Each structure stands twice: as C-alpha cells, then as structure tokens.
mmCIF file of all heavy atoms, coordinates in Angstrom:
data_MODEL
# 
_entry.id   MODEL 
# 
loop_
_atom_site.group_PDB 
_atom_site.id 
_atom_site.type_symbol 
_atom_site.label_atom_id 
_atom_site.label_alt_id 
_atom_site.label_comp_id 
_atom_site.label_asym_id 
_atom_site.label_entity_id 
_atom_site.label_seq_id 
_atom_site.pdbx_PDB_ins_code 
_atom_site.Cartn_x 
_atom_site.Cartn_y 
_atom_site.Cartn_z 
_atom_site.occupancy 
_atom_site.B_iso_or_equiv 
_atom_site.pdbx_formal_charge 
_atom_site.auth_seq_id 
_atom_site.auth_comp_id 
_atom_site.auth_asym_id 
_atom_site.auth_atom_id 
_atom_site.pdbx_PDB_model_num 
ATOM 1   N N   . GLN A 1 1  ? 0.827  -1.213 0.000  1.00 0.00 ? 1  GLN A N   1 
ATOM 2   C CA  . GLN A 1 1  ? 0.000  0.000  0.000  1.00 0.00 ? 1  GLN A CA  1 
ATOM 3   C C   . GLN A 1 1  ? 0.857  1.257  0.000  1.00 0.00 ? 1  GLN A C   1 
ATOM 4   O O   . GLN A 1 1  ? 0.494  2.268  -0.617 1.00 0.00 ? 1  GLN A O   1 
ATOM 5   C CB  . GLN A 1 1  ? -0.946 0.006  1.212  1.00 0.00 ? 1  GLN A CB  1 
ATOM 6   C CG  . GLN A 1 1  ? -2.131 -0.941 1.092  1.00 0.00 ? 1  GLN A CG  1 
ATOM 7   C CD  . GLN A 1 1  ? -1.806 -2.336 1.562  1.00 0.00 ? 1  GLN A CD  1 
ATOM 8   O OE1 . GLN A 1 1  ? -0.652 -2.774 1.486  1.00 0.00 ? 1  GLN A OE1 1 
ATOM 9   N NE2 . GLN A 1 1  ? -2.812 -3.061 2.054  1.00 0.00 ? 1  GLN A NE2 1 
ATOM 10  N N   . ILE A 1 2  ? 1.989  1.222  0.703  1.00 0.00 ? 2  ILE A N   1 
ATOM 11  C CA  . ILE A 1 2  ? 2.909  2.376  0.709  1.00 0.00 ? 2  ILE A CA  1 
ATOM 12  C C   . ILE A 1 2  ? 3.428  2.618  -0.713 1.00 0.00 ? 2  ILE A C   1 
ATOM 13  O O   . ILE A 1 2  ? 3.444  3.752  -1.199 1.00 0.00 ? 2  ILE A O   1 
ATOM 14  C CB  . ILE A 1 2  ? 4.081  2.134  1.683  1.00 0.00 ? 2  ILE A CB  1 
ATOM 15  C CG1 . ILE A 1 2  ? 3.569  2.053  3.124  1.00 0.00 ? 2  ILE A CG1 1 
ATOM 16  C CG2 . ILE A 1 2  ? 5.132  3.248  1.552  1.00 0.00 ? 2  ILE A CG2 1 
ATOM 17  C CD1 . ILE A 1 2  ? 4.623  1.659  4.142  1.00 0.00 ? 2  ILE A CD1 1 
ATOM 18  N N   . ASN A 1 3  ? 3.854  1.542  -1.378 1.00 0.00 ? 3  ASN A N   1 
ATOM 19  C CA  . ASN A 1 3  ? 4.336  1.655  -2.760 1.00 0.00 ? 3  ASN A CA  1 
ATOM 20  C C   . ASN A 1 3  ? 3.248  2.167  -3.699 1.00 0.00 ? 3  ASN A C   1 
ATOM 21  O O   . ASN A 1 3  ? 3.479  3.046  -4.527 1.00 0.00 ? 3  ASN A O   1 
ATOM 22  C CB  . ASN A 1 3  ? 4.836  0.292  -3.255 1.00 0.00 ? 3  ASN A CB  1 
ATOM 23  C CG  . ASN A 1 3  ? 6.335  0.132  -3.103 1.00 0.00 ? 3  ASN A CG  1 
ATOM 24  O OD1 . ASN A 1 3  ? 7.077  1.105  -3.077 1.00 0.00 ? 3  ASN A OD1 1 
ATOM 25  N ND2 . ASN A 1 3  ? 6.795  -1.097 -2.982 1.00 0.00 ? 3  ASN A ND2 1 
ATOM 26  N N   . ASP A 1 4  ? 2.051  1.593  -3.575 1.00 0.00 ? 4  ASP A N   1 
ATOM 27  C CA  . ASP A 1 4  ? 0.965  1.947  -4.493 1.00 0.00 ? 4  ASP A CA  1 
ATOM 28  C C   . ASP A 1 4  ? 0.485  3.376  -4.286 1.00 0.00 ? 4  ASP A C   1 
ATOM 29  O O   . ASP A 1 4  ? 0.169  4.086  -5.251 1.00 0.00 ? 4  ASP A O   1 
ATOM 30  C CB  . ASP A 1 4  ? -0.225 0.979  -4.301 1.00 0.00 ? 4  ASP A CB  1 
ATOM 31  C CG  . ASP A 1 4  ? 0.107  -0.432 -4.779 1.00 0.00 ? 4  ASP A CG  1 
ATOM 32  O OD1 . ASP A 1 4  ? 1.119  -0.580 -5.497 1.00 0.00 ? 4  ASP A OD1 1 
ATOM 33  O OD2 . ASP A 1 4  ? -0.629 -1.374 -4.421 1.00 0.00 ? 4  ASP A OD2 1 
ATOM 34  N N   . HIS A 1 5  ? 0.426  3.798  -3.014 1.00 0.00 ? 5  HIS A N   1 
ATOM 35  C CA  . HIS A 1 5  ? -0.145 5.127  -2.718 1.00 0.00 ? 5  HIS A CA  1 
ATOM 36  C C   . HIS A 1 5  ? 0.878  6.258  -2.813 1.00 0.00 ? 5  HIS A C   1 
ATOM 37  O O   . HIS A 1 5  ? 0.567  7.355  -3.274 1.00 0.00 ? 5  HIS A O   1 
ATOM 38  C CB  . HIS A 1 5  ? -0.767 5.103  -1.311 1.00 0.00 ? 5  HIS A CB  1 
ATOM 39  C CG  . HIS A 1 5  ? -1.609 6.304  -1.002 1.00 0.00 ? 5  HIS A CG  1 
ATOM 40  N ND1 . HIS A 1 5  ? -1.102 7.457  -0.444 1.00 0.00 ? 5  HIS A ND1 1 
ATOM 41  C CD2 . HIS A 1 5  ? -2.936 6.540  -1.211 1.00 0.00 ? 5  HIS A CD2 1 
ATOM 42  C CE1 . HIS A 1 5  ? -2.062 8.345  -0.301 1.00 0.00 ? 5  HIS A CE1 1 
ATOM 43  N NE2 . HIS A 1 5  ? -3.191 7.814  -0.742 1.00 0.00 ? 5  HIS A NE2 1 
ATOM 44  N N   . TYR A 1 6  ? 2.124  5.986  -2.374 1.00 0.00 ? 6  TYR A N   1 
ATOM 45  C CA  . TYR A 1 6  ? 3.127  7.051  -2.321 1.00 0.00 ? 6  TYR A CA  1 
ATOM 46  C C   . TYR A 1 6  ? 4.217  6.918  -3.384 1.00 0.00 ? 6  TYR A C   1 
ATOM 47  O O   . TYR A 1 6  ? 5.053  7.813  -3.527 1.00 0.00 ? 6  TYR A O   1 
ATOM 48  C CB  . TYR A 1 6  ? 3.774  7.096  -0.930 1.00 0.00 ? 6  TYR A CB  1 
ATOM 49  C CG  . TYR A 1 6  ? 2.797  7.429  0.169  1.00 0.00 ? 6  TYR A CG  1 
ATOM 50  C CD1 . TYR A 1 6  ? 2.205  6.420  0.925  1.00 0.00 ? 6  TYR A CD1 1 
ATOM 51  C CD2 . TYR A 1 6  ? 2.458  8.754  0.450  1.00 0.00 ? 6  TYR A CD2 1 
ATOM 52  C CE1 . TYR A 1 6  ? 1.300  6.720  1.933  1.00 0.00 ? 6  TYR A CE1 1 
ATOM 53  C CE2 . TYR A 1 6  ? 1.553  9.064  1.460  1.00 0.00 ? 6  TYR A CE2 1 
ATOM 54  C CZ  . TYR A 1 6  ? 0.980  8.044  2.196  1.00 0.00 ? 6  TYR A CZ  1 
ATOM 55  O OH  . TYR A 1 6  ? 0.077  8.349  3.200  1.00 0.00 ? 6  TYR A OH  1 
ATOM 56  N N   . GLY A 1 7  ? 4.241  5.801  -4.088 1.00 0.00 ? 7  GLY A N   1 
ATOM 57  C CA  . GLY A 1 7  ? 5.238  5.603  -5.142 1.00 0.00 ? 7  GLY A CA  1 
ATOM 58  C C   . GLY A 1 7  ? 6.438  4.801  -4.658 1.00 0.00 ? 7  GLY A C   1 
ATOM 59  O O   . GLY A 1 7  ? 6.676  4.658  -3.451 1.00 0.00 ? 7  GLY A O   1 
ATOM 60  N N   . HIS A 1 8  ? 7.193  4.296  -5.627 1.00 0.00 ? 8  HIS A N   1 
ATOM 61  C CA  . HIS A 1 8  ? 8.318  3.403  -5.292 1.00 0.00 ? 8  HIS A CA  1 
ATOM 62  C C   . HIS A 1 8  ? 9.494  4.148  -4.645 1.00 0.00 ? 8  HIS A C   1 
ATOM 63  O O   . HIS A 1 8  ? 10.260 3.547  -3.899 1.00 0.00 ? 8  HIS A O   1 
ATOM 64  C CB  . HIS A 1 8  ? 8.794  2.674  -6.554 1.00 0.00 ? 8  HIS A CB  1 
ATOM 65  C CG  . HIS A 1 8  ? 7.823  1.635  -7.014 1.00 0.00 ? 8  HIS A CG  1 
ATOM 66  N ND1 . HIS A 1 8  ? 7.725  0.399  -6.415 1.00 0.00 ? 8  HIS A ND1 1 
ATOM 67  C CD2 . HIS A 1 8  ? 6.875  1.660  -7.982 1.00 0.00 ? 8  HIS A CD2 1 
ATOM 68  C CE1 . HIS A 1 8  ? 6.769  -0.305 -7.009 1.00 0.00 ? 8  HIS A CE1 1 
ATOM 69  N NE2 . HIS A 1 8  ? 6.238  0.427  -7.957 1.00 0.00 ? 8  HIS A NE2 1 
ATOM 70  N N   . ILE A 1 9  ? 9.632  5.441  -4.932 1.00 0.00 ? 9  ILE A N   1 
ATOM 71  C CA  . ILE A 1 9  ? 10.716 6.211  -4.292 1.00 0.00 ? 9  ILE A CA  1 
ATOM 72  C C   . ILE A 1 9  ? 10.472 6.286  -2.790 1.00 0.00 ? 9  ILE A C   1 
ATOM 73  O O   . ILE A 1 9  ? 11.378 6.089  -1.979 1.00 0.00 ? 9  ILE A O   1 
ATOM 74  C CB  . ILE A 1 9  ? 10.828 7.619  -4.906 1.00 0.00 ? 9  ILE A CB  1 
ATOM 75  C CG1 . ILE A 1 9  ? 11.311 7.516  -6.365 1.00 0.00 ? 9  ILE A CG1 1 
ATOM 76  C CG2 . ILE A 1 9  ? 11.771 8.500  -4.103 1.00 0.00 ? 9  ILE A CG2 1 
ATOM 77  C CD1 . ILE A 1 9  ? 11.373 8.827  -7.101 1.00 0.00 ? 9  ILE A CD1 1 
ATOM 78  N N   . GLU A 1 10 ? 9.219  6.553  -2.416 1.00 0.00 ? 10 GLU A N   1 
ATOM 79  C CA  . GLU A 1 10 ? 8.882  6.594  -0.990 1.00 0.00 ? 10 GLU A CA  1 
ATOM 80  C C   . GLU A 1 10 ? 8.956  5.191  -0.389 1.00 0.00 ? 10 GLU A C   1 
ATOM 81  O O   . GLU A 1 10 ? 9.305  5.019  0.783  1.00 0.00 ? 10 GLU A O   1 
ATOM 82  C CB  . GLU A 1 10 ? 7.490  7.196  -0.784 1.00 0.00 ? 10 GLU A CB  1 
ATOM 83  C CG  . GLU A 1 10 ? 7.139  7.452  0.672  1.00 0.00 ? 10 GLU A CG  1 
ATOM 84  C CD  . GLU A 1 10 ? 8.128  8.366  1.381  1.00 0.00 ? 10 GLU A CD  1 
ATOM 85  O OE1 . GLU A 1 10 ? 8.554  9.373  0.780  1.00 0.00 ? 10 GLU A OE1 1 
ATOM 86  O OE2 . GLU A 1 10 ? 8.502  8.059  2.529  1.00 0.00 ? 10 GLU A OE2 1 
ATOM 87  N N   . GLY A 1 11 ? 8.630  4.180  -1.221 1.00 0.00 ? 11 GLY A N   1 
ATOM 88  C CA  . GLY A 1 11 ? 8.767  2.803  -0.762 1.00 0.00 ? 11 GLY A CA  1 
ATOM 89  C C   . GLY A 1 11 ? 10.211 2.476  -0.421 1.00 0.00 ? 11 GLY A C   1 
ATOM 90  O O   . GLY A 1 11 ? 10.491 1.827  0.607  1.00 0.00 ? 11 GLY A O   1 
ATOM 91  N N   . ASP A 1 12 ? 11.137 2.933  -1.264 1.00 0.00 ? 12 ASP A N   1 
ATOM 92  C CA  . ASP A 1 12 ? 12.568 2.751  -0.981 1.00 0.00 ? 12 ASP A CA  1 
ATOM 93  C C   . ASP A 1 12 ? 12.960 3.479  0.302  1.00 0.00 ? 12 ASP A C   1 
ATOM 94  O O   . ASP A 1 12 ? 13.761 2.975  1.101  1.00 0.00 ? 12 ASP A O   1 
ATOM 95  C CB  . ASP A 1 12 ? 13.416 3.283  -2.148 1.00 0.00 ? 12 ASP A CB  1 
ATOM 96  C CG  . ASP A 1 12 ? 13.358 2.368  -3.366 1.00 0.00 ? 12 ASP A CG  1 
ATOM 97  O OD1 . ASP A 1 12 ? 12.859 1.239  -3.228 1.00 0.00 ? 12 ASP A OD1 1 
ATOM 98  O OD2 . ASP A 1 12 ? 13.823 2.794  -4.440 1.00 0.00 ? 12 ASP A OD2 1 
ATOM 99  N N   . HIS A 1 13 ? 12.382 4.674  0.488  1.00 0.00 ? 13 HIS A N   1 
ATOM 100 C CA  . HIS A 1 13 ? 12.674 5.440  1.700  1.00 0.00 ? 13 HIS A CA  1 
ATOM 101 C C   . HIS A 1 13 ? 12.188 4.694  2.945  1.00 0.00 ? 13 HIS A C   1 
ATOM 102 O O   . HIS A 1 13 ? 12.859 4.683  3.984  1.00 0.00 ? 13 HIS A O   1 
ATOM 103 C CB  . HIS A 1 13 ? 12.005 6.822  1.609  1.00 0.00 ? 13 HIS A CB  1 
ATOM 104 C CG  . HIS A 1 13 ? 12.335 7.713  2.760  1.00 0.00 ? 13 HIS A CG  1 
ATOM 105 N ND1 . HIS A 1 13 ? 11.393 8.443  3.447  1.00 0.00 ? 13 HIS A ND1 1 
ATOM 106 C CD2 . HIS A 1 13 ? 13.519 7.976  3.382  1.00 0.00 ? 13 HIS A CD2 1 
ATOM 107 C CE1 . HIS A 1 13 ? 11.965 9.118  4.425  1.00 0.00 ? 13 HIS A CE1 1 
ATOM 108 N NE2 . HIS A 1 13 ? 13.253 8.857  4.405  1.00 0.00 ? 13 HIS A NE2 1 
ATOM 109 N N   . ALA A 1 14 ? 11.020 4.056  2.828  1.00 0.00 ? 14 ALA A N   1 
ATOM 110 C CA  . ALA A 1 14 ? 10.488 3.271  3.950  1.00 0.00 ? 14 ALA A CA  1 
ATOM 111 C C   . ALA A 1 14 ? 11.421 2.114  4.292  1.00 0.00 ? 14 ALA A C   1 
ATOM 112 O O   . ALA A 1 14 ? 11.650 1.811  5.473  1.00 0.00 ? 14 ALA A O   1 
ATOM 113 C CB  . ALA A 1 14 ? 9.097  2.744  3.601  1.00 0.00 ? 14 ALA A CB  1 
ATOM 114 N N   . LEU A 1 15 ? 11.974 1.468  3.267  1.00 0.00 ? 15 LEU A N   1 
ATOM 115 C CA  . LEU A 1 15 ? 12.932 0.382  3.495  1.00 0.00 ? 15 LEU A CA  1 
ATOM 116 C C   . LEU A 1 15 ? 14.188 0.893  4.201  1.00 0.00 ? 15 LEU A C   1 
ATOM 117 O O   . LEU A 1 15 ? 14.709 0.248  5.108  1.00 0.00 ? 15 LEU A O   1 
ATOM 118 C CB  . LEU A 1 15 ? 13.313 -0.269 2.164  1.00 0.00 ? 15 LEU A CB  1 
ATOM 119 C CG  . LEU A 1 15 ? 12.247 -1.143 1.497  1.00 0.00 ? 15 LEU A CG  1 
ATOM 120 C CD1 . LEU A 1 15 ? 12.657 -1.472 0.067  1.00 0.00 ? 15 LEU A CD1 1 
ATOM 121 C CD2 . LEU A 1 15 ? 12.026 -2.422 2.287  1.00 0.00 ? 15 LEU A CD2 1 
ATOM 122 N N   . GLN A 1 16 ? 14.670 2.070  3.775  1.00 0.00 ? 16 GLN A N   1 
ATOM 123 C CA  . GLN A 1 16 ? 15.869 2.649  4.382  1.00 0.00 ? 16 GLN A CA  1 
ATOM 124 C C   . GLN A 1 16 ? 15.614 3.045  5.840  1.00 0.00 ? 16 GLN A C   1 
ATOM 125 O O   . GLN A 1 16 ? 16.476 2.840  6.701  1.00 0.00 ? 16 GLN A O   1 
ATOM 126 C CB  . GLN A 1 16 ? 16.334 3.857  3.568  1.00 0.00 ? 16 GLN A CB  1 
ATOM 127 C CG  . GLN A 1 16 ? 16.896 3.480  2.210  1.00 0.00 ? 16 GLN A CG  1 
ATOM 128 C CD  . GLN A 1 16 ? 17.131 4.689  1.314  1.00 0.00 ? 16 GLN A CD  1 
ATOM 129 O OE1 . GLN A 1 16 ? 16.407 5.688  1.396  1.00 0.00 ? 16 GLN A OE1 1 
ATOM 130 N NE2 . GLN A 1 16 ? 18.127 4.601  0.445  1.00 0.00 ? 16 GLN A NE2 1 
ATOM 131 N N   . CYS A 1 17 ? 14.436 3.597  6.116  1.00 0.00 ? 17 CYS A N   1 
ATOM 132 C CA  . CYS A 1 17 ? 14.086 3.978  7.491  1.00 0.00 ? 17 CYS A CA  1 
ATOM 133 C C   . CYS A 1 17 ? 13.998 2.741  8.384  1.00 0.00 ? 17 CYS A C   1 
ATOM 134 O O   . CYS A 1 17 ? 14.470 2.745  9.526  1.00 0.00 ? 17 CYS A O   1 
ATOM 135 C CB  . CYS A 1 17 ? 12.745 4.717  7.512  1.00 0.00 ? 17 CYS A CB  1 
ATOM 136 S SG  . CYS A 1 17 ? 12.790 6.336  6.727  1.00 0.00 ? 17 CYS A SG  1 
ATOM 137 N N   . THR A 1 18 ? 13.391 1.687  7.844  1.00 0.00 ? 18 THR A N   1 
ATOM 138 C CA  . THR A 1 18 ? 13.275 0.432  8.594  1.00 0.00 ? 18 THR A CA  1 
ATOM 139 C C   . THR A 1 18 ? 14.656 -0.148 8.884  1.00 0.00 ? 18 THR A C   1 
ATOM 140 O O   . THR A 1 18 ? 14.942 -0.578 10.003 1.00 0.00 ? 18 THR A O   1 
ATOM 141 C CB  . THR A 1 18 ? 12.435 -0.589 7.800  1.00 0.00 ? 18 THR A CB  1 
ATOM 142 O OG1 . THR A 1 18 ? 11.155 -0.020 7.520  1.00 0.00 ? 18 THR A OG1 1 
ATOM 143 C CG2 . THR A 1 18 ? 12.263 -1.881 8.586  1.00 0.00 ? 18 THR A CG2 1 
ATOM 144 N N   . ALA A 1 19 ? 15.513 -0.150 7.853  1.00 0.00 ? 19 ALA A N   1 
ATOM 145 C CA  . ALA A 1 19 ? 16.875 -0.670 8.014  1.00 0.00 ? 19 ALA A CA  1 
ATOM 146 C C   . ALA A 1 19 ? 17.631 0.112  9.078  1.00 0.00 ? 19 ALA A C   1 
ATOM 147 O O   . ALA A 1 19 ? 18.331 -0.463 9.917  1.00 0.00 ? 19 ALA A O   1 
ATOM 148 C CB  . ALA A 1 19 ? 17.617 -0.605 6.681  1.00 0.00 ? 19 ALA A CB  1 
ATOM 149 N N   . HIS A 1 20 ? 17.484 1.450  9.059  1.00 0.00 ? 20 HIS A N   1 
ATOM 150 C CA  . HIS A 1 20 ? 18.177 2.310  10.031 1.00 0.00 ? 20 HIS A CA  1 
ATOM 151 C C   . HIS A 1 20 ? 17.715 2.007  11.457 1.00 0.00 ? 20 HIS A C   1 
ATOM 152 O O   . HIS A 1 20 ? 18.527 1.893  12.380 1.00 0.00 ? 20 HIS A O   1 
ATOM 153 C CB  . HIS A 1 20 ? 17.917 3.774  9.691  1.00 0.00 ? 20 HIS A CB  1 
ATOM 154 C CG  . HIS A 1 20 ? 18.530 4.738  10.660 1.00 0.00 ? 20 HIS A CG  1 
ATOM 155 N ND1 . HIS A 1 20 ? 19.890 4.967  10.727 1.00 0.00 ? 20 HIS A ND1 1 
ATOM 156 C CD2 . HIS A 1 20 ? 17.971 5.515  11.627 1.00 0.00 ? 20 HIS A CD2 1 
ATOM 157 C CE1 . HIS A 1 20 ? 20.139 5.838  11.685 1.00 0.00 ? 20 HIS A CE1 1 
ATOM 158 N NE2 . HIS A 1 20 ? 19.003 6.187  12.244 1.00 0.00 ? 20 HIS A NE2 1 
ATOM 159 N N   . ALA A 1 21 ? 16.398 1.847  11.624 1.00 0.00 ? 21 ALA A N   1 
ATOM 160 C CA  . ALA A 1 21 ? 15.850 1.568  12.957 1.00 0.00 ? 21 ALA A CA  1 
ATOM 161 C C   . ALA A 1 21 ? 16.300 0.195  13.463 1.00 0.00 ? 21 ALA A C   1 
ATOM 162 O O   . ALA A 1 21 ? 16.683 0.048  14.635 1.00 0.00 ? 21 ALA A O   1 
ATOM 163 C CB  . ALA A 1 21 ? 14.328 1.639  12.908 1.00 0.00 ? 21 ALA A CB  1 
ATOM 164 N N   . LEU A 1 22 ? 16.256 -0.801 12.593 1.00 0.00 ? 22 LEU A N   1 
ATOM 165 C CA  . LEU A 1 22 ? 16.687 -2.147 12.985 1.00 0.00 ? 22 LEU A CA  1 
ATOM 166 C C   . LEU A 1 22 ? 18.173 -2.175 13.315 1.00 0.00 ? 22 LEU A C   1 
ATOM 167 O O   . LEU A 1 22 ? 18.608 -2.864 14.247 1.00 0.00 ? 22 LEU A O   1 
ATOM 168 C CB  . LEU A 1 22 ? 16.377 -3.143 11.862 1.00 0.00 ? 22 LEU A CB  1 
ATOM 169 C CG  . LEU A 1 22 ? 14.899 -3.423 11.573 1.00 0.00 ? 22 LEU A CG  1 
ATOM 170 C CD1 . LEU A 1 22 ? 14.763 -4.300 10.340 1.00 0.00 ? 22 LEU A CD1 1 
ATOM 171 C CD2 . LEU A 1 22 ? 14.217 -4.080 12.768 1.00 0.00 ? 22 LEU A CD2 1 
ATOM 172 N N   . LYS A 1 23 ? 18.953 -1.407 12.532 1.00 0.00 ? 23 LYS A N   1 
ATOM 173 C CA  . LYS A 1 23 ? 20.401 -1.367 12.749 1.00 0.00 ? 23 LYS A CA  1 
ATOM 174 C C   . LYS A 1 23 ? 20.733 -0.793 14.133 1.00 0.00 ? 23 LYS A C   1 
ATOM 175 O O   . LYS A 1 23 ? 21.665 -1.259 14.795 1.00 0.00 ? 23 LYS A O   1 
ATOM 176 C CB  . LYS A 1 23 ? 21.064 -0.517 11.657 1.00 0.00 ? 23 LYS A CB  1 
ATOM 177 C CG  . LYS A 1 23 ? 22.575 -0.669 11.580 1.00 0.00 ? 23 LYS A CG  1 
ATOM 178 C CD  . LYS A 1 23 ? 23.179 0.299  10.573 1.00 0.00 ? 23 LYS A CD  1 
ATOM 179 C CE  . LYS A 1 23 ? 22.761 -0.001 9.171  1.00 0.00 ? 23 LYS A CE  1 
ATOM 180 N NZ  . LYS A 1 23 ? 23.427 0.866  8.171  1.00 0.00 ? 23 LYS A NZ  1 
ATOM 181 N N   . ASN A 1 24 ? 19.969 0.203  14.561 1.00 0.00 ? 24 ASN A N   1 
ATOM 182 C CA  . ASN A 1 24 ? 20.206 0.801  15.883 1.00 0.00 ? 24 ASN A CA  1 
ATOM 183 C C   . ASN A 1 24 ? 20.047 -0.225 17.000 1.00 0.00 ? 24 ASN A C   1 
ATOM 184 O O   . ASN A 1 24 ? 20.850 -0.269 17.941 1.00 0.00 ? 24 ASN A O   1 
ATOM 185 C CB  . ASN A 1 24 ? 19.231 1.960  16.116 1.00 0.00 ? 24 ASN A CB  1 
ATOM 186 C CG  . ASN A 1 24 ? 19.614 3.198  15.337 1.00 0.00 ? 24 ASN A CG  1 
ATOM 187 O OD1 . ASN A 1 24 ? 20.768 3.334  14.916 1.00 0.00 ? 24 ASN A OD1 1 
ATOM 188 N ND2 . ASN A 1 24 ? 18.670 4.085  15.107 1.00 0.00 ? 24 ASN A ND2 1 
ATOM 189 N N   . ILE A 1 25 ? 19.017 -1.061 16.901 1.00 0.00 ? 25 ILE A N   1 
ATOM 190 C CA  . ILE A 1 25 ? 18.792 -2.094 17.923 1.00 0.00 ? 25 ILE A CA  1 
ATOM 191 C C   . ILE A 1 25 ? 19.802 -3.225 17.780 1.00 0.00 ? 25 ILE A C   1 
ATOM 192 O O   . ILE A 1 25 ? 20.386 -3.687 18.762 1.00 0.00 ? 25 ILE A O   1 
ATOM 193 C CB  . ILE A 1 25 ? 17.358 -2.644 17.834 1.00 0.00 ? 25 ILE A CB  1 
ATOM 194 C CG1 . ILE A 1 25 ? 16.333 -1.529 18.056 1.00 0.00 ? 25 ILE A CG1 1 
ATOM 195 C CG2 . ILE A 1 25 ? 17.145 -3.766 18.849 1.00 0.00 ? 25 ILE A CG2 1 
ATOM 196 C CD1 . ILE A 1 25 ? 16.405 -0.865 19.402 1.00 0.00 ? 25 ILE A CD1 1 
ATOM 197 N N   . ALA A 1 26 ? 20.015 -3.666 16.534 1.00 0.00 ? 26 ALA A N   1 
ATOM 198 C CA  . ALA A 1 26 ? 20.931 -4.794 16.295 1.00 0.00 ? 26 ALA A CA  1 
ATOM 199 C C   . ALA A 1 26 ? 22.339 -4.487 16.788 1.00 0.00 ? 26 ALA A C   1 
ATOM 200 O O   . ALA A 1 26 ? 23.022 -5.361 17.332 1.00 0.00 ? 26 ALA A O   1 
ATOM 201 C CB  . ALA A 1 26 ? 20.959 -5.130 14.805 1.00 0.00 ? 26 ALA A CB  1 
ATOM 202 N N   . SER A 1 27 ? 22.782 -3.233 16.621 1.00 0.00 ? 27 SER A N   1 
ATOM 203 C CA  . SER A 1 27 ? 24.140 -2.866 17.040 1.00 0.00 ? 27 SER A CA  1 
ATOM 204 C C   . SER A 1 27 ? 24.294 -2.899 18.558 1.00 0.00 ? 27 SER A C   1 
ATOM 205 O O   . SER A 1 27 ? 25.379 -3.149 19.079 1.00 0.00 ? 27 SER A O   1 
ATOM 206 C CB  . SER A 1 27 ? 24.503 -1.478 16.505 1.00 0.00 ? 27 SER A CB  1 
ATOM 207 O OG  . SER A 1 27 ? 23.632 -0.495 17.030 1.00 0.00 ? 27 SER A OG  1 
ATOM 208 N N   . GLN A 1 28 ? 23.200 -2.661 19.281 1.00 0.00 ? 28 GLN A N   1 
ATOM 209 C CA  . GLN A 1 28 ? 23.250 -2.700 20.743 1.00 0.00 ? 28 GLN A CA  1 
ATOM 210 C C   . GLN A 1 28 ? 23.492 -4.113 21.269 1.00 0.00 ? 28 GLN A C   1 
ATOM 211 O O   . GLN A 1 28 ? 24.069 -4.307 22.331 1.00 0.00 ? 28 GLN A O   1 
ATOM 212 C CB  . GLN A 1 28 ? 21.937 -2.159 21.324 1.00 0.00 ? 28 GLN A CB  1 
ATOM 213 C CG  . GLN A 1 28 ? 21.702 -0.687 21.064 1.00 0.00 ? 28 GLN A CG  1 
ATOM 214 C CD  . GLN A 1 28 ? 20.323 -0.236 21.536 1.00 0.00 ? 28 GLN A CD  1 
ATOM 215 O OE1 . GLN A 1 28 ? 19.750 -0.845 22.448 1.00 0.00 ? 28 GLN A OE1 1 
ATOM 216 N NE2 . GLN A 1 28 ? 19.788 0.810  20.925 1.00 0.00 ? 28 GLN A NE2 1 
ATOM 217 N N   . TYR A 1 29 ? 23.045 -5.106 20.486 1.00 0.00 ? 29 TYR A N   1 
ATOM 218 C CA  . TYR A 1 29 ? 23.149 -6.497 20.925 1.00 0.00 ? 29 TYR A CA  1 
ATOM 219 C C   . TYR A 1 29 ? 24.202 -7.288 20.146 1.00 0.00 ? 29 TYR A C   1 
ATOM 220 O O   . TYR A 1 29 ? 24.359 -8.485 20.368 1.00 0.00 ? 29 TYR A O   1 
ATOM 221 C CB  . TYR A 1 29 ? 21.790 -7.188 20.778 1.00 0.00 ? 29 TYR A CB  1 
ATOM 222 C CG  . TYR A 1 29 ? 20.742 -6.692 21.746 1.00 0.00 ? 29 TYR A CG  1 
ATOM 223 C CD1 . TYR A 1 29 ? 19.966 -5.576 21.435 1.00 0.00 ? 29 TYR A CD1 1 
ATOM 224 C CD2 . TYR A 1 29 ? 20.552 -7.300 22.974 1.00 0.00 ? 29 TYR A CD2 1 
ATOM 225 C CE1 . TYR A 1 29 ? 19.002 -5.105 22.316 1.00 0.00 ? 29 TYR A CE1 1 
ATOM 226 C CE2 . TYR A 1 29 ? 19.590 -6.846 23.865 1.00 0.00 ? 29 TYR A CE2 1 
ATOM 227 C CZ  . TYR A 1 29 ? 18.824 -5.738 23.530 1.00 0.00 ? 29 TYR A CZ  1 
ATOM 228 O OH  . TYR A 1 29 ? 17.880 -5.275 24.407 1.00 0.00 ? 29 TYR A OH  1 
# 
C-alpha cells in the first residue's frame, strides 16, 4: 500500500528507514 499510494521512491525510503531503525537495535546487541 505504501508503494501503491506514495510511489516506489517513498517505498525505498520506507525500506531505508526500517533498516536504520533495525540497525540501531541490532548494534546494541
């Protein structure tokens, strides 16, 4: 739905934001 409604560029941004958030937690452990 993010891709369809906001476009694939924003979809890529969502992936990057998710990766950044996961990386913050993963690095702690």
